Amino acid sequence: MLQGDDGRPLLFGSNWGGVYATLDTTHPEVLTWLRDLAATIRSWGYDYLKIDFLYGAAFPGMRHDAGASRVEAYRRGLRAIRDGFGDGFILGCGAPLTPSIGLVDAMRTGPDVAPFWDDEARRVFIGDGAAPSARSAIHTVLARWYQHLWYQNDPDVMIARRERSLLSDQERGALLGLLDVAGGLRASSDPIQMLDEQALTLLRRSLEITTPDRPVSLTTSHGPTVTHFTRGTFNLQNTPVGTLTSHSFSTYPVESTVPSHLSRSICDA
């Protein structure tokens, strides 16, 4: 285990009913275990593997190989998983971004999305910009629009449902816009039985694969991130901007969850 100066395992948080530590990914036995574990999962027939909370391997601490940098230690561990999983598809999450290049097929490029727009108290008063919310996910992923050159973007899941969700139609449309311009992975965690016809239409559209878009401006913005793309414009502010309502993507009727530039493809589907 990665250790502190006192020789005890470093603890990084609490989840799954208890505290957790991290492996020392410079130790040969750890690398062998990781490689064998990934190979075993692949031998079961799984060709997709999501690995989360990877940042722990890059934390400061006492390692078996004291000369290894934190990035080198991290990449050794990730390389062991890559070697074991072979030709399977690996999605990294909770991971250092640039140190993962070449070792993952896709990467979560923002925080978790959530069925509400913003956790303002946590974001403002605690300073946690990675708090799960639609706002946090959209802001961060759009700022990292260029990273599709390194791996496939994973903007997290689409939330199309109205039930058990505080997202407005415009905000769900903004999530659809995010998936549209980010390209990359598509996924949903909505229980199908919660989706009405409008939500099902939105979900079907969100699962259509698109190529990553590019900005038309890096200096003009409707929010503290990149908002102007060739396929549409986001307004991430809390007030309207011209014809754009707040928390929206492009211009589309309030009664519709689908941005206007996408409506034809849905109707034709």
C-alpha atoms as a PDB file:
ATOM      1  CA  MET A   1       0.000   0.000   0.000  1.00  0.00           C
ATOM      2  CA  LEU A   2       1.046   3.612  -0.518  1.00  0.00           C
ATOM      3  CA  GLN A   3       2.325   4.689   2.899  1.00  0.00           C
ATOM      4  CA  GLY A   4       2.827   7.827   4.925  1.00  0.00           C
ATOM      5  CA  ASP A   5       6.004   8.817   6.709  1.00  0.00           C
ATOM      6  CA  ASP A   6       4.898   6.718   9.676  1.00  0.00           C
ATOM      7  CA  GLY A   7       4.820   3.577   7.530  1.00  0.00           C
ATOM      8  CA  ARG A   8       1.058   3.221   7.714  1.00  0.00           C
ATOM      9  CA  PRO A   9      -1.227   3.073   4.660  1.00  0.00           C
ATOM     10  CA  LEU A  10      -2.477   6.473   3.547  1.00  0.00           C
ATOM     11  CA  LEU A  11      -6.264   6.820   3.668  1.00  0.00           C
ATOM     12  CA  PHE A  12      -7.966   8.810   0.930  1.00  0.00           C
ATOM     13  CA  GLY A  13     -11.630   8.875   1.845  1.00  0.00           C
ATOM     14  CA  SER A  14     -14.663   6.886   2.844  1.00  0.00           C
ATOM     15  CA  ASN A  15     -16.964   4.930   0.565  1.00  0.00           C
ATOM     16  CA  TRP A  16     -18.637   1.531   0.272  1.00  0.00           C
ATOM     17  CA  GLY A  17     -19.089   1.329   4.024  1.00  0.00           C
ATOM     18  CA  GLY A  18     -15.556   2.194   5.115  1.00  0.00           C
ATOM     19  CA  VAL A  19     -12.326   4.049   4.492  1.00  0.00           C
ATOM     20  CA  TYR A  20     -10.093   3.201   1.554  1.00  0.00           C
ATOM     21  CA  ALA A  21      -6.390   3.342   0.770  1.00  0.00           C
ATOM     22  CA  THR A  22      -4.438   2.934  -2.484  1.00  0.00           C
ATOM     23  CA  LEU A  23      -1.993   0.445  -3.882  1.00  0.00           C
ATOM     24  CA  ASP A  24       1.690   1.189  -4.319  1.00  0.00           C
ATOM     25  CA  THR A  25       1.885   0.820  -8.077  1.00  0.00           C
ATOM     26  CA  THR A  26       5.673   0.702  -8.080  1.00  0.00           C
ATOM     27  CA  HIS A  27       5.699  -2.622  -6.230  1.00  0.00           C
ATOM     28  CA  PRO A  28       6.274  -5.607  -8.563  1.00  0.00           C
ATOM     29  CA  GLU A  29       3.733  -7.777  -6.745  1.00  0.00           C
ATOM     30  CA  VAL A  30       1.073  -5.071  -7.086  1.00  0.00           C
ATOM     31  CA  LEU A  31       1.732  -4.742 -10.802  1.00  0.00           C
ATOM     32  CA  THR A  32       1.484  -8.496 -11.275  1.00  0.00           C
ATOM     33  CA  TRP A  33      -1.795  -8.570  -9.347  1.00  0.00           C
ATOM     34  CA  LEU A  34      -3.280  -5.725 -11.403  1.00  0.00           C
ATOM     35  CA  ARG A  35      -2.208  -7.338 -14.670  1.00  0.00           C
ATOM     36  CA  ASP A  36      -3.641 -10.715 -13.655  1.00  0.00           C
ATOM     37  CA  LEU A  37      -6.874  -9.152 -12.414  1.00  0.00           C
ATOM     38  CA  ALA A  38      -7.465  -7.310 -15.703  1.00  0.00           C
ATOM     39  CA  ALA A  39      -6.597 -10.442 -17.691  1.00  0.00           C
ATOM     40  CA  THR A  40      -9.041 -12.494 -15.622  1.00  0.00           C
ATOM     41  CA  ILE A  41     -11.868 -10.027 -16.281  1.00  0.00           C
ATOM     42  CA  ARG A  42     -11.070 -10.121 -20.005  1.00  0.00           C
ATOM     43  CA  SER A  43     -11.057 -13.934 -19.948  1.00  0.00           C
ATOM     44  CA  TRP A  44     -14.612 -13.871 -18.628  1.00  0.00           C
ATOM     45  CA  GLY A  45     -15.654 -12.291 -21.923  1.00  0.00           C
ATOM     46  CA  TYR A  46     -15.904  -8.666 -20.828  1.00  0.00           C
ATOM     47  CA  ASP A  47     -14.525  -6.266 -23.432  1.00  0.00           C
ATOM     48  CA  TYR A  48     -15.410  -3.041 -21.578  1.00  0.00           C
ATOM     49  CA  LEU A  49     -13.860  -2.003 -18.274  1.00  0.00           C
ATOM     50  CA  LYS A  50     -14.476   1.185 -16.325  1.00  0.00           C
ATOM     51  CA  ILE A  51     -11.897   1.917 -13.635  1.00  0.00           C
ATOM     52  CA  ASP A  52     -12.532   4.742 -11.173  1.00  0.00           C
ATOM     53  CA  PHE A  53     -10.764   6.612  -8.375  1.00  0.00           C
ATOM     54  CA  LEU A  54      -7.453   6.264 -10.201  1.00  0.00           C
ATOM     55  CA  TYR A  55      -6.007   9.487  -8.814  1.00  0.00           C
ATOM     56  CA  GLY A  56      -4.892   7.712  -5.636  1.00  0.00           C
ATOM     57  CA  ALA A  57      -1.963   6.087  -7.422  1.00  0.00           C
ATOM     58  CA  ALA A  58      -0.493   9.542  -8.136  1.00  0.00           C
ATOM     59  CA  PHE A  59      -0.681  10.902  -4.580  1.00  0.00           C
ATOM     60  CA  PRO A  60       2.480  11.741  -2.601  1.00  0.00           C
ATOM     61  CA  GLY A  61       3.661   8.990  -0.283  1.00  0.00           C
ATOM     62  CA  MET A  62       6.308   6.425   0.531  1.00  0.00           C
ATOM     63  CA  ARG A  63       6.698   3.940  -2.350  1.00  0.00           C
ATOM     64  CA  HIS A  64       8.601   0.711  -2.952  1.00  0.00           C
ATOM     65  CA  ASP A  65      10.523   2.517  -5.696  1.00  0.00           C
ATOM     66  CA  ALA A  66      11.432   5.798  -4.020  1.00  0.00           C
ATOM     67  CA  GLY A  67      12.936   7.120  -7.247  1.00  0.00           C
ATOM     68  CA  ALA A  68       9.712   6.913  -9.241  1.00  0.00           C
ATOM     69  CA  SER A  69       7.843  10.134  -9.843  1.00  0.00           C
ATOM     70  CA  ARG A  70       4.149  10.294  -9.032  1.00  0.00           C
ATOM     71  CA  VAL A  71       3.277  10.281 -12.737  1.00  0.00           C
ATOM     72  CA  GLU A  72       5.575   7.340 -13.388  1.00  0.00           C
ATOM     73  CA  ALA A  73       4.036   5.400 -10.500  1.00  0.00           C
ATOM     74  CA  TYR A  74       0.550   6.118 -11.824  1.00  0.00           C
ATOM     75  CA  ARG A  75       1.389   5.071 -15.376  1.00  0.00           C
ATOM     76  CA  ARG A  76       3.020   1.835 -14.220  1.00  0.00           C
ATOM     77  CA  GLY A  77      -0.211   0.794 -12.553  1.00  0.00           C
ATOM     78  CA  LEU A  78      -2.370   1.835 -15.475  1.00  0.00           C
ATOM     79  CA  ARG A  79       0.003   0.105 -17.895  1.00  0.00           C
ATOM     80  CA  ALA A  80      -0.365  -3.134 -15.933  1.00  0.00           C
ATOM     81  CA  ILE A  81      -4.149  -2.958 -16.304  1.00  0.00           C
ATOM     82  CA  ARG A  82      -3.814  -2.088 -19.980  1.00  0.00           C
ATOM     83  CA  ASP A  83      -1.477  -5.023 -20.607  1.00  0.00           C
ATOM     84  CA  GLY A  84      -3.771  -7.419 -18.786  1.00  0.00           C
ATOM     85  CA  PHE A  85      -6.966  -6.254 -20.495  1.00  0.00           C
ATOM     86  CA  GLY A  86      -5.407  -6.499 -23.938  1.00  0.00           C
ATOM     87  CA  ASP A  87      -7.650  -5.411 -26.793  1.00  0.00           C
ATOM     88  CA  GLY A  88     -10.572  -4.538 -24.489  1.00  0.00           C
ATOM     89  CA  PHE A  89     -11.973  -1.027 -24.129  1.00  0.00           C
ATOM     90  CA  ILE A  90     -10.879   0.844 -20.987  1.00  0.00           C
ATOM     91  CA  LEU A  91     -12.696   3.883 -19.598  1.00  0.00           C
ATOM     92  CA  GLY A  92     -10.746   5.877 -17.029  1.00  0.00           C
ATOM     93  CA  CYS A  93     -12.531   7.916 -14.383  1.00  0.00           C
ATOM     94  CA  GLY A  94     -11.400  10.004 -11.450  1.00  0.00           C
ATOM     95  CA  ALA A  95      -8.015  10.033 -13.133  1.00  0.00           C
ATOM     96  CA  PRO A  96      -5.161  12.397 -13.920  1.00  0.00           C
ATOM     97  CA  LEU A  97      -5.877  13.370 -17.519  1.00  0.00           C
ATOM     98  CA  THR A  98      -2.642  13.858 -19.452  1.00  0.00           C
ATOM     99  CA  PRO A  99      -0.779  11.032 -17.624  1.00  0.00           C
ATOM    100  CA  SER A 100      -3.469   8.652 -18.904  1.00  0.00           C
ATOM    101  CA  ILE A 101      -2.900   9.396 -22.603  1.00  0.00           C
ATOM    102  CA  GLY A 102      -2.122   6.251 -24.573  1.00  0.00           C
ATOM    103  CA  LEU A 103      -3.319   3.875 -21.865  1.00  0.00           C
ATOM    104  CA  VAL A 104      -7.103   4.377 -21.900  1.00  0.00           C
ATOM    105  CA  ASP A 105      -9.605   4.374 -24.744  1.00  0.00           C
ATOM    106  CA  ALA A 106     -11.942   6.897 -23.120  1.00  0.00           C
ATOM    107  CA  MET A 107     -11.868   9.255 -20.160  1.00  0.00           C
ATOM    108  CA  ARG A 108     -14.465  10.957 -17.991  1.00  0.00           C
ATOM    109  CA  THR A 109     -13.648  14.608 -18.611  1.00  0.00           C
ATOM    110  CA  GLY A 110     -15.918  16.176 -16.010  1.00  0.00           C
ATOM    111  CA  PRO A 111     -17.647  15.523 -12.689  1.00  0.00           C
ATOM    112  CA  ASP A 112     -20.761  13.408 -12.273  1.00  0.00           C
ATOM    113  CA  VAL A 113     -23.942  14.771 -13.778  1.00  0.00           C
ATOM    114  CA  ALA A 114     -26.995  14.925 -11.488  1.00  0.00           C
ATOM    115  CA  PRO A 115     -30.761  15.462 -11.888  1.00  0.00           C
ATOM    116  CA  PHE A 116     -30.506  19.099 -10.809  1.00  0.00           C
ATOM    117  CA  TRP A 117     -28.752  22.119 -12.293  1.00  0.00           C
ATOM    118  CA  ASP A 118     -26.440  23.303  -9.521  1.00  0.00           C
ATOM    119  CA  ASP A 119     -25.298  22.616  -5.977  1.00  0.00           C
ATOM    120  CA  GLU A 120     -24.542  26.269  -5.343  1.00  0.00           C
ATOM    121  CA  ALA A 121     -23.901  25.997  -1.620  1.00  0.00           C
ATOM    122  CA  ARG A 122     -21.266  23.305  -2.075  1.00  0.00           C
ATOM    123  CA  ARG A 123     -19.739  25.038  -5.101  1.00  0.00           C
ATOM    124  CA  VAL A 124     -19.609  28.574  -3.652  1.00  0.00           C
ATOM    125  CA  PHE A 125     -19.177  28.191   0.090  1.00  0.00           C
ATOM    126  CA  ILE A 126     -16.989  25.077   0.103  1.00  0.00           C
ATOM    127  CA  GLY A 127     -15.275  25.864  -3.195  1.00  0.00           C
ATOM    128  CA  ASP A 128     -16.004  22.430  -4.630  1.00  0.00           C
ATOM    129  CA  GLY A 129     -16.259  22.977  -8.386  1.00  0.00           C
ATOM    130  CA  ALA A 130     -16.454  19.221  -8.970  1.00  0.00           C
ATOM    131  CA  ALA A 131     -19.671  18.727  -7.008  1.00  0.00           C
ATOM    132  CA  PRO A 132     -22.091  16.527  -9.001  1.00  0.00           C
ATOM    133  CA  SER A 133     -24.586  18.624 -10.965  1.00  0.00           C
ATOM    134  CA  ALA A 134     -25.602  19.300 -14.545  1.00  0.00           C
ATOM    135  CA  ARG A 135     -23.919  22.694 -14.368  1.00  0.00           C
ATOM    136  CA  SER A 136     -20.578  21.311 -13.177  1.00  0.00           C
ATOM    137  CA  ALA A 137     -20.554  18.560 -15.802  1.00  0.00           C
ATOM    138  CA  ILE A 138     -21.394  20.920 -18.666  1.00  0.00           C
ATOM    139  CA  HIS A 139     -18.940  23.639 -17.639  1.00  0.00           C
ATOM    140  CA  THR A 140     -16.025  21.247 -17.216  1.00  0.00           C
ATOM    141  CA  VAL A 141     -16.563  19.061 -20.279  1.00  0.00           C
ATOM    142  CA  LEU A 142     -16.981  22.077 -22.559  1.00  0.00           C
ATOM    143  CA  ALA A 143     -13.722  23.556 -21.248  1.00  0.00           C
ATOM    144  CA  ARG A 144     -12.002  20.290 -22.228  1.00  0.00           C
ATOM    145  CA  TRP A 145     -13.545  20.083 -25.711  1.00  0.00           C
ATOM    146  CA  TYR A 146     -10.124  19.500 -27.318  1.00  0.00           C
ATOM    147  CA  GLN A 147      -9.356  16.337 -25.374  1.00  0.00           C
ATOM    148  CA  HIS A 148     -11.058  14.124 -27.946  1.00  0.00           C
ATOM    149  CA  LEU A 149      -7.636  14.190 -29.599  1.00  0.00           C
ATOM    150  CA  TRP A 150      -6.278  12.165 -26.656  1.00  0.00           C
ATOM    151  CA  TYR A 151      -9.087   9.679 -26.047  1.00  0.00           C
ATOM    152  CA  GLN A 152     -12.852   9.457 -26.434  1.00  0.00           C
ATOM    153  CA  ASN A 153     -14.662  11.951 -24.215  1.00  0.00           C
ATOM    154  CA  ASP A 154     -17.037  10.611 -21.590  1.00  0.00           C
ATOM    155  CA  PRO A 155     -19.368  13.470 -20.581  1.00  0.00           C
ATOM    156  CA  ASP A 156     -21.342  11.114 -18.277  1.00  0.00           C
ATOM    157  CA  VAL A 157     -24.926   9.981 -18.761  1.00  0.00           C
ATOM    158  CA  MET A 158     -27.910  11.723 -20.299  1.00  0.00           C
ATOM    159  CA  ILE A 159     -30.738  12.519 -17.891  1.00  0.00           C
ATOM    160  CA  ALA A 160     -33.890  12.583 -19.980  1.00  0.00           C
ATOM    161  CA  ARG A 161     -36.508  11.808 -17.325  1.00  0.00           C
ATOM    162  CA  ARG A 162     -38.790  14.327 -15.681  1.00  0.00           C
ATOM    163  CA  GLU A 163     -39.726  12.086 -12.763  1.00  0.00           C
ATOM    164  CA  ARG A 164     -37.334  12.382  -9.814  1.00  0.00           C
ATOM    165  CA  SER A 165     -35.498  15.182 -11.588  1.00  0.00           C
ATOM    166  CA  LEU A 166     -35.307  18.925 -10.968  1.00  0.00           C
ATOM    167  CA  LEU A 167     -33.979  19.678 -14.437  1.00  0.00           C
ATOM    168  CA  SER A 168     -36.072  21.942 -16.638  1.00  0.00           C
ATOM    169  CA  ASP A 169     -36.713  21.223 -20.318  1.00  0.00           C
ATOM    170  CA  GLN A 170     -34.033  23.769 -21.216  1.00  0.00           C
ATOM    171  CA  GLU A 171     -31.521  22.150 -18.894  1.00  0.00           C
ATOM    172  CA  ARG A 172     -32.161  18.702 -20.293  1.00  0.00           C
ATOM    173  CA  GLY A 173     -31.707  20.249 -23.736  1.00  0.00           C
ATOM    174  CA  ALA A 174     -28.367  21.642 -22.559  1.00  0.00           C
ATOM    175  CA  LEU A 175     -27.294  18.114 -21.574  1.00  0.00           C
ATOM    176  CA  LEU A 176     -28.282  16.912 -25.026  1.00  0.00           C
ATOM    177  CA  GLY A 177     -26.223  19.741 -26.502  1.00  0.00           C
ATOM    178  CA  LEU A 178     -23.264  18.708 -24.374  1.00  0.00           C
ATOM    179  CA  LEU A 179     -23.363  15.166 -25.739  1.00  0.00           C
ATOM    180  CA  ASP A 180     -23.776  16.524 -29.254  1.00  0.00           C
ATOM    181  CA  VAL A 181     -20.708  18.774 -29.220  1.00  0.00           C
ATOM    182  CA  ALA A 182     -18.507  16.542 -27.028  1.00  0.00           C
ATOM    183  CA  GLY A 183     -18.948  13.408 -29.107  1.00  0.00           C
ATOM    184  CA  GLY A 184     -17.532  10.264 -27.533  1.00  0.00           C
ATOM    185  CA  LEU A 185     -19.350   7.861 -25.219  1.00  0.00           C
ATOM    186  CA  ARG A 186     -23.116   7.650 -24.798  1.00  0.00           C
ATOM    187  CA  ALA A 187     -24.938   6.226 -21.802  1.00  0.00           C
ATOM    188  CA  SER A 188     -28.137   6.544 -19.783  1.00  0.00           C
ATOM    189  CA  SER A 189     -29.082   5.684 -16.220  1.00  0.00           C
ATOM    190  CA  ASP A 190     -32.766   6.623 -16.526  1.00  0.00           C
ATOM    191  CA  PRO A 191     -35.190   3.823 -15.572  1.00  0.00           C
ATOM    192  CA  ILE A 192     -37.112   3.310 -18.818  1.00  0.00           C
ATOM    193  CA  GLN A 193     -40.446   3.099 -16.993  1.00  0.00           C
ATOM    194  CA  MET A 194     -39.969   6.719 -15.852  1.00  0.00           C
ATOM    195  CA  LEU A 195     -39.760   8.088 -19.400  1.00  0.00           C
ATOM    196  CA  ASP A 196     -42.739   9.619 -21.193  1.00  0.00           C
ATOM    197  CA  GLU A 197     -42.795   9.950 -24.983  1.00  0.00           C
ATOM    198  CA  GLN A 198     -40.967  13.267 -24.939  1.00  0.00           C
ATOM    199  CA  ALA A 199     -38.257  11.888 -22.663  1.00  0.00           C
ATOM    200  CA  LEU A 200     -37.909   8.758 -24.805  1.00  0.00           C
ATOM    201  CA  THR A 201     -37.422  10.946 -27.873  1.00  0.00           C
ATOM    202  CA  LEU A 202     -34.780  12.936 -26.043  1.00  0.00           C
ATOM    203  CA  LEU A 203     -33.032   9.772 -24.875  1.00  0.00           C
ATOM    204  CA  ARG A 204     -33.013   8.239 -28.362  1.00  0.00           C
ATOM    205  CA  ARG A 205     -31.464  11.398 -29.768  1.00  0.00           C
ATOM    206  CA  SER A 206     -28.832  11.512 -27.029  1.00  0.00           C
ATOM    207  CA  LEU A 207     -27.692   7.991 -27.924  1.00  0.00           C
ATOM    208  CA  GLU A 208     -26.951   8.923 -31.528  1.00  0.00           C
ATOM    209  CA  ILE A 209     -23.199   9.151 -32.070  1.00  0.00           C
ATOM    210  CA  THR A 210     -21.840  12.509 -33.226  1.00  0.00           C
ATOM    211  CA  THR A 211     -18.360  13.708 -34.068  1.00  0.00           C
ATOM    212  CA  PRO A 212     -16.743  16.148 -31.645  1.00  0.00           C
ATOM    213  CA  ASP A 213     -17.553  19.761 -32.473  1.00  0.00           C
ATOM    214  CA  ARG A 214     -15.171  22.716 -32.313  1.00  0.00           C
ATOM    215  CA  PRO A 215     -15.639  26.229 -30.909  1.00  0.00           C
ATOM    216  CA  VAL A 216     -16.232  29.220 -33.144  1.00  0.00           C
ATOM    217  CA  SER A 217     -14.945  31.551 -30.426  1.00  0.00           C
ATOM    218  CA  LEU A 218     -12.726  31.270 -27.368  1.00  0.00           C
ATOM    219  CA  THR A 219     -13.234  34.897 -26.328  1.00  0.00           C
ATOM    220  CA  THR A 220     -17.015  35.286 -26.479  1.00  0.00           C
ATOM    221  CA  SER A 221     -18.857  33.250 -23.882  1.00  0.00           C
ATOM    222  CA  HIS A 222     -22.237  32.937 -22.153  1.00  0.00           C
ATOM    223  CA  GLY A 223     -20.716  31.489 -18.996  1.00  0.00           C
ATOM    224  CA  PRO A 224     -17.297  30.750 -17.474  1.00  0.00           C
ATOM    225  CA  THR A 225     -16.362  28.193 -20.117  1.00  0.00           C
ATOM    226  CA  VAL A 226     -16.410  27.722 -23.899  1.00  0.00           C
ATOM    227  CA  THR A 227     -20.017  28.100 -25.098  1.00  0.00           C
ATOM    228  CA  HIS A 228     -19.995  28.956 -28.823  1.00  0.00           C
ATOM    229  CA  PHE A 229     -19.693  25.931 -31.114  1.00  0.00           C
ATOM    230  CA  THR A 230     -20.370  25.393 -34.804  1.00  0.00           C
ATOM    231  CA  ARG A 231     -23.491  23.335 -34.050  1.00  0.00           C
ATOM    232  CA  GLY A 232     -24.986  25.600 -31.423  1.00  0.00           C
ATOM    233  CA  THR A 233     -24.498  28.006 -28.546  1.00  0.00           C
ATOM    234  CA  PHE A 234     -24.914  27.423 -24.836  1.00  0.00           C
ATOM    235  CA  ASN A 235     -26.223  29.974 -22.375  1.00  0.00           C
ATOM    236  CA  LEU A 236     -25.019  28.756 -19.005  1.00  0.00           C
ATOM    237  CA  GLN A 237     -25.848  31.973 -17.194  1.00  0.00           C
ATOM    238  CA  ASN A 238     -28.799  32.450 -14.878  1.00  0.00           C
ATOM    239  CA  THR A 239     -30.382  35.102 -17.094  1.00  0.00           C
ATOM    240  CA  PRO A 240     -31.454  35.082 -20.762  1.00  0.00           C
ATOM    241  CA  VAL A 241     -29.071  36.321 -23.437  1.00  0.00           C
ATOM    242  CA  GLY A 242     -30.959  37.607 -26.449  1.00  0.00           C
ATOM    243  CA  THR A 243     -33.223  34.783 -27.596  1.00  0.00           C
ATOM    244  CA  LEU A 244     -31.370  32.184 -25.510  1.00  0.00           C
ATOM    245  CA  THR A 245     -33.070  31.258 -22.265  1.00  0.00           C
ATOM    246  CA  SER A 246     -30.905  30.555 -19.225  1.00  0.00           C
ATOM    247  CA  HIS A 247     -29.292  27.125 -18.890  1.00  0.00           C
ATOM    248  CA  SER A 248     -29.967  26.226 -22.506  1.00  0.00           C
ATOM    249  CA  PHE A 249     -28.427  25.135 -25.783  1.00  0.00           C
ATOM    250  CA  SER A 250     -29.352  26.974 -28.974  1.00  0.00           C
ATOM    251  CA  THR A 251     -32.874  28.337 -29.467  1.00  0.00           C
ATOM    252  CA  TYR A 252     -35.810  25.958 -29.211  1.00  0.00           C
ATOM    253  CA  PRO A 253     -39.429  26.212 -28.031  1.00  0.00           C
ATOM    254  CA  VAL A 254     -39.902  26.021 -24.273  1.00  0.00           C
ATOM    255  CA  GLU A 255     -42.379  23.170 -24.686  1.00  0.00           C
ATOM    256  CA  SER A 256     -39.788  21.083 -26.538  1.00  0.00           C
ATOM    257  CA  THR A 257     -36.834  19.292 -24.974  1.00  0.00           C
ATOM    258  CA  VAL A 258     -35.061  19.171 -28.299  1.00  0.00           C
ATOM    259  CA  PRO A 259     -32.842  21.986 -29.625  1.00  0.00           C
ATOM    260  CA  SER A 260     -34.148  23.314 -32.917  1.00  0.00           C
ATOM    261  CA  HIS A 261     -31.117  22.289 -34.978  1.00  0.00           C
ATOM    262  CA  LEU A 262     -31.662  18.673 -33.915  1.00  0.00           C
ATOM    263  CA  SER A 263     -35.429  18.437 -34.329  1.00  0.00           C
ATOM    264  CA  ARG A 264     -35.388  17.359 -37.966  1.00  0.00           C
ATOM    265  CA  SER A 265     -33.239  14.297 -37.331  1.00  0.00           C
ATOM    266  CA  ILE A 266     -35.569  13.221 -34.522  1.00  0.00           C
ATOM    267  CA  CYS A 267     -38.709  13.642 -36.594  1.00  0.00           C
ATOM    268  CA  ASP A 268     -37.112  11.727 -39.451  1.00  0.00           C
ATOM    269  CA  ALA A 269     -35.937   8.871 -37.205  1.00  0.00           C
END
